[in-house]
């Protein structure tokens, strides 16, 4: 599958997830009062837009600005966690043990999600548990829908013209623009079906997001810096942001 070539090393991100979990345990041991939830960021994109470059740079920027560990979560890393129960148990053992949000979130999905019950439940539990802990960037996975009930969540989406996505994907996969167009249309159709059938949500709905970025006109670096500056300003002590999720 050509899309696999676009996904950065899972091993590296498993390492960052382990480090993230270690620091979370250290903080839990040292702190006995409830802290303000750290932010959870979700990035959605039309297929062919530069989601990974944005997410990876954004993670670096947020670590620099907060002085804390951040973790990037996507489908590839969750699949590895699911396949290796020992990793799942070690990394996610203490996350979401008293998760009061999950059932509320699941209850809002389309009843058709039950057709993929085991996988989808695993995905939701891991995503929501990590999102509640904060300092996490969720790429795809229906993150904006799954975490919309969380006050600490912020949501962003990348879009672009078909021509831009064709050129970008063709360059990154070293294929012809015509082949890139076929991949884009096929994968976008699958993503739209996933959101509609399992999440009962149109991922193209701008009301789901705090910011939309035209990837044709805005570089990944500019997008990442803009998101980082926005989130830092919104989570600063003087911020008056209030929960606005349905």
C-alpha atoms as a PDB file:
ATOM      1  CA  UNK A   1       0.000   0.000   0.000  1.00  0.00           C
ATOM      2  CA  UNK A   2       1.653   3.273  -1.065  1.00  0.00           C
ATOM      3  CA  UNK A   3       0.269   5.138   1.954  1.00  0.00           C
ATOM      4  CA  UNK A   4       2.613   3.166   4.217  1.00  0.00           C
ATOM      5  CA  UNK A   5       5.529   5.060   2.709  1.00  0.00           C
ATOM      6  CA  UNK A   6       4.099   8.277   4.136  1.00  0.00           C
ATOM      7  CA  UNK A   7       4.036   7.024   7.733  1.00  0.00           C
ATOM      8  CA  UNK A   8       7.129   7.761   9.871  1.00  0.00           C
ATOM      9  CA  UNK A   9       8.797   4.983  11.854  1.00  0.00           C
ATOM     10  CA  UNK A  10       6.416   3.393  14.333  1.00  0.00           C
ATOM     11  CA  UNK A  11       9.329   2.187  16.484  1.00  0.00           C
ATOM     12  CA  UNK A  12      10.431   5.755  17.137  1.00  0.00           C
ATOM     13  CA  UNK A  13       6.929   6.785  18.157  1.00  0.00           C
ATOM     14  CA  UNK A  14       6.504   3.718  20.378  1.00  0.00           C
ATOM     15  CA  UNK A  15       9.620   4.932  22.188  1.00  0.00           C
ATOM     16  CA  UNK A  16       8.124   8.385  22.643  1.00  0.00           C
ATOM     17  CA  UNK A  17       4.910   6.812  23.922  1.00  0.00           C
ATOM     18  CA  UNK A  18       6.870   4.806  26.492  1.00  0.00           C
ATOM     19  CA  UNK A  19       8.705   7.952  27.613  1.00  0.00           C
ATOM     20  CA  UNK A  20       5.411   9.820  27.790  1.00  0.00           C
ATOM     21  CA  UNK A  21       3.931   7.101  29.980  1.00  0.00           C
ATOM     22  CA  UNK A  22       6.986   7.058  32.263  1.00  0.00           C
ATOM     23  CA  UNK A  23       6.710  10.793  32.877  1.00  0.00           C
ATOM     24  CA  UNK A  24       2.978  10.543  33.474  1.00  0.00           C
ATOM     25  CA  UNK A  25       3.613   7.985  36.219  1.00  0.00           C
ATOM     26  CA  UNK A  26       6.301  10.178  37.793  1.00  0.00           C
ATOM     27  CA  UNK A  27       3.933  13.147  37.902  1.00  0.00           C
ATOM     28  CA  UNK A  28       1.151  11.045  39.386  1.00  0.00           C
ATOM     29  CA  UNK A  29       3.489   9.930  42.162  1.00  0.00           C
ATOM     30  CA  UNK A  30       4.550  13.492  42.976  1.00  0.00           C
ATOM     31  CA  UNK A  31       1.239  15.317  42.651  1.00  0.00           C
ATOM     32  CA  UNK A  32      -1.801  14.704  44.824  1.00  0.00           C
ATOM     33  CA  UNK A  33      -4.055  17.500  43.649  1.00  0.00           C
ATOM     34  CA  UNK A  34      -6.045  17.576  40.438  1.00  0.00           C
ATOM     35  CA  UNK A  35      -4.304  19.646  37.812  1.00  0.00           C
ATOM     36  CA  UNK A  36      -5.846  21.563  34.944  1.00  0.00           C
ATOM     37  CA  UNK A  37      -6.062  19.125  32.018  1.00  0.00           C
ATOM     38  CA  UNK A  38      -3.215  19.457  29.551  1.00  0.00           C
ATOM     39  CA  UNK A  39      -4.290  20.045  25.946  1.00  0.00           C
ATOM     40  CA  UNK A  40      -5.146  17.364  23.428  1.00  0.00           C
ATOM     41  CA  UNK A  41      -4.753  18.337  19.771  1.00  0.00           C
ATOM     42  CA  UNK A  42      -6.368  16.539  16.852  1.00  0.00           C
ATOM     43  CA  UNK A  43      -5.346  16.911  13.222  1.00  0.00           C
ATOM     44  CA  UNK A  44      -7.655  15.842  10.429  1.00  0.00           C
ATOM     45  CA  UNK A  45      -6.822  16.068   6.744  1.00  0.00           C
ATOM     46  CA  UNK A  46      -8.051  15.358   3.294  1.00  0.00           C
ATOM     47  CA  UNK A  47      -6.027  12.492   1.870  1.00  0.00           C
ATOM     48  CA  UNK A  48      -2.964  13.861   0.102  1.00  0.00           C
ATOM     49  CA  UNK A  49      -2.461  16.791   2.471  1.00  0.00           C
ATOM     50  CA  UNK A  50       0.696  16.934   4.574  1.00  0.00           C
ATOM     51  CA  UNK A  51      -0.601  15.733   7.919  1.00  0.00           C
ATOM     52  CA  UNK A  52       2.508  13.918   9.123  1.00  0.00           C
ATOM     53  CA  UNK A  53       4.954  16.810   8.525  1.00  0.00           C
ATOM     54  CA  UNK A  54       2.587  19.120  10.398  1.00  0.00           C
ATOM     55  CA  UNK A  55       2.034  16.693  13.298  1.00  0.00           C
ATOM     56  CA  UNK A  56       5.722  15.868  13.777  1.00  0.00           C
ATOM     57  CA  UNK A  57       6.842  19.504  13.765  1.00  0.00           C
ATOM     58  CA  UNK A  58       3.924  20.455  16.011  1.00  0.00           C
ATOM     59  CA  UNK A  59       5.028  17.843  18.546  1.00  0.00           C
ATOM     60  CA  UNK A  60       8.546  19.318  18.597  1.00  0.00           C
ATOM     61  CA  UNK A  61       7.198  22.847  19.000  1.00  0.00           C
ATOM     62  CA  UNK A  62       4.861  21.901  21.846  1.00  0.00           C
ATOM     63  CA  UNK A  63       7.681  20.140  23.703  1.00  0.00           C
ATOM     64  CA  UNK A  64       9.851  23.241  23.300  1.00  0.00           C
ATOM     65  CA  UNK A  65       7.111  25.613  24.437  1.00  0.00           C
ATOM     66  CA  UNK A  66       5.824  23.552  27.370  1.00  0.00           C
ATOM     67  CA  UNK A  67       9.046  21.844  28.456  1.00  0.00           C
ATOM     68  CA  UNK A  68       7.062  18.621  28.683  1.00  0.00           C
ATOM     69  CA  UNK A  69       6.840  15.338  26.776  1.00  0.00           C
ATOM     70  CA  UNK A  70       4.272  15.105  23.974  1.00  0.00           C
ATOM     71  CA  UNK A  71       3.213  12.037  22.032  1.00  0.00           C
ATOM     72  CA  UNK A  72       1.897  11.604  18.477  1.00  0.00           C
ATOM     73  CA  UNK A  73      -0.810   8.962  18.054  1.00  0.00           C
ATOM     74  CA  UNK A  74      -2.096   7.584  14.748  1.00  0.00           C
ATOM     75  CA  UNK A  75      -3.594   4.369  13.415  1.00  0.00           C
ATOM     76  CA  UNK A  76      -0.211   2.738  12.818  1.00  0.00           C
ATOM     77  CA  UNK A  77       0.960   3.111  16.412  1.00  0.00           C
ATOM     78  CA  UNK A  78      -2.380   1.967  17.850  1.00  0.00           C
ATOM     79  CA  UNK A  79      -2.267  -1.157  15.708  1.00  0.00           C
ATOM     80  CA  UNK A  80       1.167  -1.996  17.098  1.00  0.00           C
ATOM     81  CA  UNK A  81      -0.102  -1.444  20.634  1.00  0.00           C
ATOM     82  CA  UNK A  82      -3.101  -3.666  19.946  1.00  0.00           C
ATOM     83  CA  UNK A  83      -0.980  -6.464  18.454  1.00  0.00           C
ATOM     84  CA  UNK A  84       1.468  -6.533  21.355  1.00  0.00           C
ATOM     85  CA  UNK A  85      -0.550  -6.908  24.527  1.00  0.00           C
ATOM     86  CA  UNK A  86       2.510  -6.546  26.726  1.00  0.00           C
ATOM     87  CA  UNK A  87       3.162  -3.104  25.230  1.00  0.00           C
ATOM     88  CA  UNK A  88      -0.501  -2.199  25.608  1.00  0.00           C
ATOM     89  CA  UNK A  89      -0.545  -3.251  29.233  1.00  0.00           C
ATOM     90  CA  UNK A  90       2.637  -1.387  30.109  1.00  0.00           C
ATOM     91  CA  UNK A  91       1.876   1.829  28.283  1.00  0.00           C
ATOM     92  CA  UNK A  92      -1.857   2.119  28.828  1.00  0.00           C
ATOM     93  CA  UNK A  93      -2.314   0.315  32.145  1.00  0.00           C
ATOM     94  CA  UNK A  94      -3.065   3.408  34.188  1.00  0.00           C
ATOM     95  CA  UNK A  95      -4.715   5.547  31.536  1.00  0.00           C
ATOM     96  CA  UNK A  96      -8.458   5.975  31.636  1.00  0.00           C
ATOM     97  CA  UNK A  97      -9.102   3.510  34.457  1.00  0.00           C
ATOM     98  CA  UNK A  98     -12.020   5.639  35.609  1.00  0.00           C
ATOM     99  CA  UNK A  99     -13.038   6.934  32.219  1.00  0.00           C
ATOM    100  CA  UNK A 100     -16.466   8.543  32.544  1.00  0.00           C
ATOM    101  CA  UNK A 101     -16.298  10.102  29.092  1.00  0.00           C
ATOM    102  CA  UNK A 102     -15.951   7.002  26.937  1.00  0.00           C
ATOM    103  CA  UNK A 103     -19.455   5.578  27.252  1.00  0.00           C
ATOM    104  CA  UNK A 104     -20.957   9.001  26.574  1.00  0.00           C
ATOM    105  CA  UNK A 105     -18.814   9.317  23.462  1.00  0.00           C
ATOM    106  CA  UNK A 106     -19.625   5.818  22.210  1.00  0.00           C
ATOM    107  CA  UNK A 107     -23.326   6.392  22.791  1.00  0.00           C
ATOM    108  CA  UNK A 108     -23.333   9.249  20.275  1.00  0.00           C
ATOM    109  CA  UNK A 109     -21.934   7.140  17.428  1.00  0.00           C
ATOM    110  CA  UNK A 110     -23.941   5.430  14.750  1.00  0.00           C
ATOM    111  CA  UNK A 111     -25.252   1.985  15.826  1.00  0.00           C
ATOM    112  CA  UNK A 112     -23.367   0.557  12.841  1.00  0.00           C
ATOM    113  CA  UNK A 113     -20.072   0.909  14.696  1.00  0.00           C
ATOM    114  CA  UNK A 114     -20.846  -2.392  16.429  1.00  0.00           C
ATOM    115  CA  UNK A 115     -20.016  -4.275  13.222  1.00  0.00           C
ATOM    116  CA  UNK A 116     -16.353  -3.629  14.045  1.00  0.00           C
ATOM    117  CA  UNK A 117     -16.926  -3.732  17.785  1.00  0.00           C
ATOM    118  CA  UNK A 118     -13.655  -5.142  19.095  1.00  0.00           C
ATOM    119  CA  UNK A 119     -11.296  -3.015  17.002  1.00  0.00           C
ATOM    120  CA  UNK A 120     -13.330   0.153  17.279  1.00  0.00           C
ATOM    121  CA  UNK A 121     -13.764  -0.157  21.032  1.00  0.00           C
ATOM    122  CA  UNK A 122     -10.016  -0.658  21.446  1.00  0.00           C
ATOM    123  CA  UNK A 123      -9.313   2.370  19.284  1.00  0.00           C
ATOM    124  CA  UNK A 124     -11.757   4.573  21.165  1.00  0.00           C
ATOM    125  CA  UNK A 125     -10.556   3.522  24.610  1.00  0.00           C
ATOM    126  CA  UNK A 126      -6.923   4.196  23.786  1.00  0.00           C
ATOM    127  CA  UNK A 127      -7.605   7.489  22.022  1.00  0.00           C
ATOM    128  CA  UNK A 128      -9.935   8.883  24.684  1.00  0.00           C
ATOM    129  CA  UNK A 129      -7.712   7.708  27.532  1.00  0.00           C
ATOM    130  CA  UNK A 130      -4.668   9.406  26.056  1.00  0.00           C
ATOM    131  CA  UNK A 131      -6.671  12.505  25.165  1.00  0.00           C
ATOM    132  CA  UNK A 132      -7.873  12.868  28.756  1.00  0.00           C
ATOM    133  CA  UNK A 133      -4.267  12.783  29.968  1.00  0.00           C
ATOM    134  CA  UNK A 134      -3.344  15.547  27.526  1.00  0.00           C
ATOM    135  CA  UNK A 135      -0.052  16.476  25.867  1.00  0.00           C
ATOM    136  CA  UNK A 136      -1.082  14.293  22.951  1.00  0.00           C
ATOM    137  CA  UNK A 137      -1.497  14.937  19.228  1.00  0.00           C
ATOM    138  CA  UNK A 138      -3.995  12.644  17.497  1.00  0.00           C
ATOM    139  CA  UNK A 139      -3.611  12.344  13.744  1.00  0.00           C
ATOM    140  CA  UNK A 140      -6.763  11.155  11.977  1.00  0.00           C
ATOM    141  CA  UNK A 141      -8.682   8.323  13.776  1.00  0.00           C
ATOM    142  CA  UNK A 142     -11.795  10.493  13.873  1.00  0.00           C
ATOM    143  CA  UNK A 143     -10.085  12.374  16.681  1.00  0.00           C
ATOM    144  CA  UNK A 144     -12.176  15.525  16.422  1.00  0.00           C
ATOM    145  CA  UNK A 145     -15.359  13.480  16.879  1.00  0.00           C
ATOM    146  CA  UNK A 146     -14.070  11.016  19.466  1.00  0.00           C
ATOM    147  CA  UNK A 147     -12.659  13.732  21.743  1.00  0.00           C
ATOM    148  CA  UNK A 148     -15.152  16.519  21.141  1.00  0.00           C
ATOM    149  CA  UNK A 149     -16.618  16.142  24.637  1.00  0.00           C
ATOM    150  CA  UNK A 150     -13.289  16.967  26.264  1.00  0.00           C
ATOM    151  CA  UNK A 151     -12.760  20.555  27.350  1.00  0.00           C
ATOM    152  CA  UNK A 152      -9.006  20.246  26.842  1.00  0.00           C
ATOM    153  CA  UNK A 153      -9.315  19.275  23.154  1.00  0.00           C
ATOM    154  CA  UNK A 154      -8.488  21.470  20.149  1.00  0.00           C
ATOM    155  CA  UNK A 155      -9.186  20.449  16.575  1.00  0.00           C
ATOM    156  CA  UNK A 156      -7.568  21.343  13.252  1.00  0.00           C
ATOM    157  CA  UNK A 157      -8.052  20.237   9.638  1.00  0.00           C
ATOM    158  CA  UNK A 158      -5.992  20.459   6.459  1.00  0.00           C
ATOM    159  CA  UNK A 159      -7.586  20.634   3.033  1.00  0.00           C
ATOM    160  CA  UNK A 160      -6.406  21.416  -0.494  1.00  0.00           C
ATOM    161  CA  UNK A 161      -7.288  21.324  -4.155  1.00  0.00           C
ATOM    162  CA  UNK A 162      -7.160  18.009  -6.018  1.00  0.00           C
ATOM    163  CA  UNK A 163      -4.331  19.304  -8.186  1.00  0.00           C
ATOM    164  CA  UNK A 164      -2.237  20.205  -5.154  1.00  0.00           C
ATOM    165  CA  UNK A 165      -2.847  16.837  -3.502  1.00  0.00           C
ATOM    166  CA  UNK A 166      -1.998  14.987  -6.724  1.00  0.00           C
ATOM    167  CA  UNK A 167       1.308  16.815  -7.108  1.00  0.00           C
ATOM    168  CA  UNK A 168       2.229  16.415  -3.440  1.00  0.00           C
ATOM    169  CA  UNK A 169       1.412  12.710  -3.288  1.00  0.00           C
ATOM    170  CA  UNK A 170       3.092  11.975  -6.628  1.00  0.00           C
ATOM    171  CA  UNK A 171       6.288  13.616  -5.392  1.00  0.00           C
ATOM    172  CA  UNK A 172       6.285  11.878  -2.014  1.00  0.00           C
ATOM    173  CA  UNK A 173       5.508   8.418  -3.413  1.00  0.00           C
ATOM    174  CA  UNK A 174       7.447   8.842  -6.660  1.00  0.00           C
ATOM    175  CA  UNK A 175       4.435   7.939  -8.789  1.00  0.00           C
ATOM    176  CA  UNK A 176       2.666   9.660 -11.671  1.00  0.00           C
ATOM    177  CA  UNK A 177       0.033  12.342 -10.979  1.00  0.00           C
ATOM    178  CA  UNK A 178      -2.542  10.060 -12.607  1.00  0.00           C
ATOM    179  CA  UNK A 179      -1.702   7.226 -10.218  1.00  0.00           C
ATOM    180  CA  UNK A 180      -1.763   9.683  -7.309  1.00  0.00           C
ATOM    181  CA  UNK A 181      -5.245  10.818  -8.293  1.00  0.00           C
ATOM    182  CA  UNK A 182      -6.538   7.241  -8.155  1.00  0.00           C
ATOM    183  CA  UNK A 183      -5.006   6.700  -4.706  1.00  0.00           C
ATOM    184  CA  UNK A 184      -6.443   9.975  -3.392  1.00  0.00           C
ATOM    185  CA  UNK A 185      -9.968   9.282  -4.601  1.00  0.00           C
ATOM    186  CA  UNK A 186      -9.949   5.713  -3.266  1.00  0.00           C
ATOM    187  CA  UNK A 187      -8.557   6.602   0.157  1.00  0.00           C
ATOM    188  CA  UNK A 188     -10.753   9.675   0.586  1.00  0.00           C
ATOM    189  CA  UNK A 189     -13.819   7.594  -0.186  1.00  0.00           C
ATOM    190  CA  UNK A 190     -12.816   5.058   2.482  1.00  0.00           C
ATOM    191  CA  UNK A 191     -12.215   7.815   5.046  1.00  0.00           C
ATOM    192  CA  UNK A 192     -15.546   9.463   4.338  1.00  0.00           C
ATOM    193  CA  UNK A 193     -17.305   6.109   4.680  1.00  0.00           C
ATOM    194  CA  UNK A 194     -15.554   5.430   8.008  1.00  0.00           C
ATOM    195  CA  UNK A 195     -16.683   8.752   9.454  1.00  0.00           C
ATOM    196  CA  UNK A 196     -20.219   8.409   8.176  1.00  0.00           C
ATOM    197  CA  UNK A 197     -20.780   4.746   9.034  1.00  0.00           C
ATOM    198  CA  UNK A 198     -18.951   4.461  12.345  1.00  0.00           C
ATOM    199  CA  UNK A 199     -18.902   8.002  13.705  1.00  0.00           C
ATOM    200  CA  UNK A 200     -22.124   9.246  12.098  1.00  0.00           C
ATOM    201  CA  UNK A 201     -20.250  12.416  11.230  1.00  0.00           C
ATOM    202  CA  UNK A 202     -19.200  14.343   8.130  1.00  0.00           C
ATOM    203  CA  UNK A 203     -15.475  14.953   8.575  1.00  0.00           C
ATOM    204  CA  UNK A 204     -15.681  17.866   6.115  1.00  0.00           C
ATOM    205  CA  UNK A 205     -17.991  19.812   8.451  1.00  0.00           C
ATOM    206  CA  UNK A 206     -16.045  22.967   9.412  1.00  0.00           C
ATOM    207  CA  UNK A 207     -17.976  23.252  12.672  1.00  0.00           C
ATOM    208  CA  UNK A 208     -15.898  20.362  14.063  1.00  0.00           C
ATOM    209  CA  UNK A 209     -12.660  22.340  14.011  1.00  0.00           C
ATOM    210  CA  UNK A 210     -11.069  25.325  15.701  1.00  0.00           C
ATOM    211  CA  UNK A 211      -9.053  26.140  12.578  1.00  0.00           C
ATOM    212  CA  UNK A 212      -8.991  25.093   8.915  1.00  0.00           C
ATOM    213  CA  UNK A 213      -5.822  25.345   6.806  1.00  0.00           C
ATOM    214  CA  UNK A 214      -5.573  25.450   3.020  1.00  0.00           C
ATOM    215  CA  UNK A 215      -2.482  23.268   2.589  1.00  0.00           C
ATOM    216  CA  UNK A 216      -2.011  24.518  -0.974  1.00  0.00           C
ATOM    217  CA  UNK A 217      -1.361  28.036   0.300  1.00  0.00           C
ATOM    218  CA  UNK A 218       0.138  27.353   3.747  1.00  0.00           C
ATOM    219  CA  UNK A 219       3.264  25.262   4.362  1.00  0.00           C
ATOM    220  CA  UNK A 220       3.381  22.533   7.017  1.00  0.00           C
ATOM    221  CA  UNK A 221       5.851  24.620   9.043  1.00  0.00           C
ATOM    222  CA  UNK A 222       3.557  27.655   9.049  1.00  0.00           C
ATOM    223  CA  UNK A 223       0.574  25.506   9.989  1.00  0.00           C
ATOM    224  CA  UNK A 224       2.447  23.855  12.866  1.00  0.00           C
ATOM    225  CA  UNK A 225       3.685  27.192  14.237  1.00  0.00           C
ATOM    226  CA  UNK A 226       0.216  28.725  13.974  1.00  0.00           C
ATOM    227  CA  UNK A 227      -1.392  25.838  15.851  1.00  0.00           C
ATOM    228  CA  UNK A 228       1.284  25.857  18.549  1.00  0.00           C
ATOM    229  CA  UNK A 229       0.969  29.606  19.139  1.00  0.00           C
ATOM    230  CA  UNK A 230      -2.824  29.354  19.239  1.00  0.00           C
ATOM    231  CA  UNK A 231      -2.902  26.493  21.734  1.00  0.00           C
ATOM    232  CA  UNK A 232      -0.304  28.086  24.000  1.00  0.00           C
ATOM    233  CA  UNK A 233      -2.288  31.332  24.082  1.00  0.00           C
ATOM    234  CA  UNK A 234      -5.546  29.467  24.726  1.00  0.00           C
ATOM    235  CA  UNK A 235      -4.099  27.423  27.594  1.00  0.00           C
ATOM    236  CA  UNK A 236      -2.194  30.230  29.289  1.00  0.00           C
ATOM    237  CA  UNK A 237      -3.269  31.158  32.868  1.00  0.00           C
ATOM    238  CA  UNK A 238      -5.161  34.222  31.667  1.00  0.00           C
ATOM    239  CA  UNK A 239      -7.152  32.412  29.011  1.00  0.00           C
ATOM    240  CA  UNK A 240     -10.952  32.569  29.291  1.00  0.00           C
ATOM    241  CA  UNK A 241     -11.637  29.603  27.017  1.00  0.00           C
ATOM    242  CA  UNK A 242     -14.651  27.612  28.099  1.00  0.00           C
ATOM    243  CA  UNK A 243     -15.985  24.276  26.970  1.00  0.00           C
ATOM    244  CA  UNK A 244     -18.131  24.684  23.873  1.00  0.00           C
ATOM    245  CA  UNK A 245     -18.547  21.089  22.762  1.00  0.00           C
ATOM    246  CA  UNK A 246     -22.044  19.686  22.343  1.00  0.00           C
END
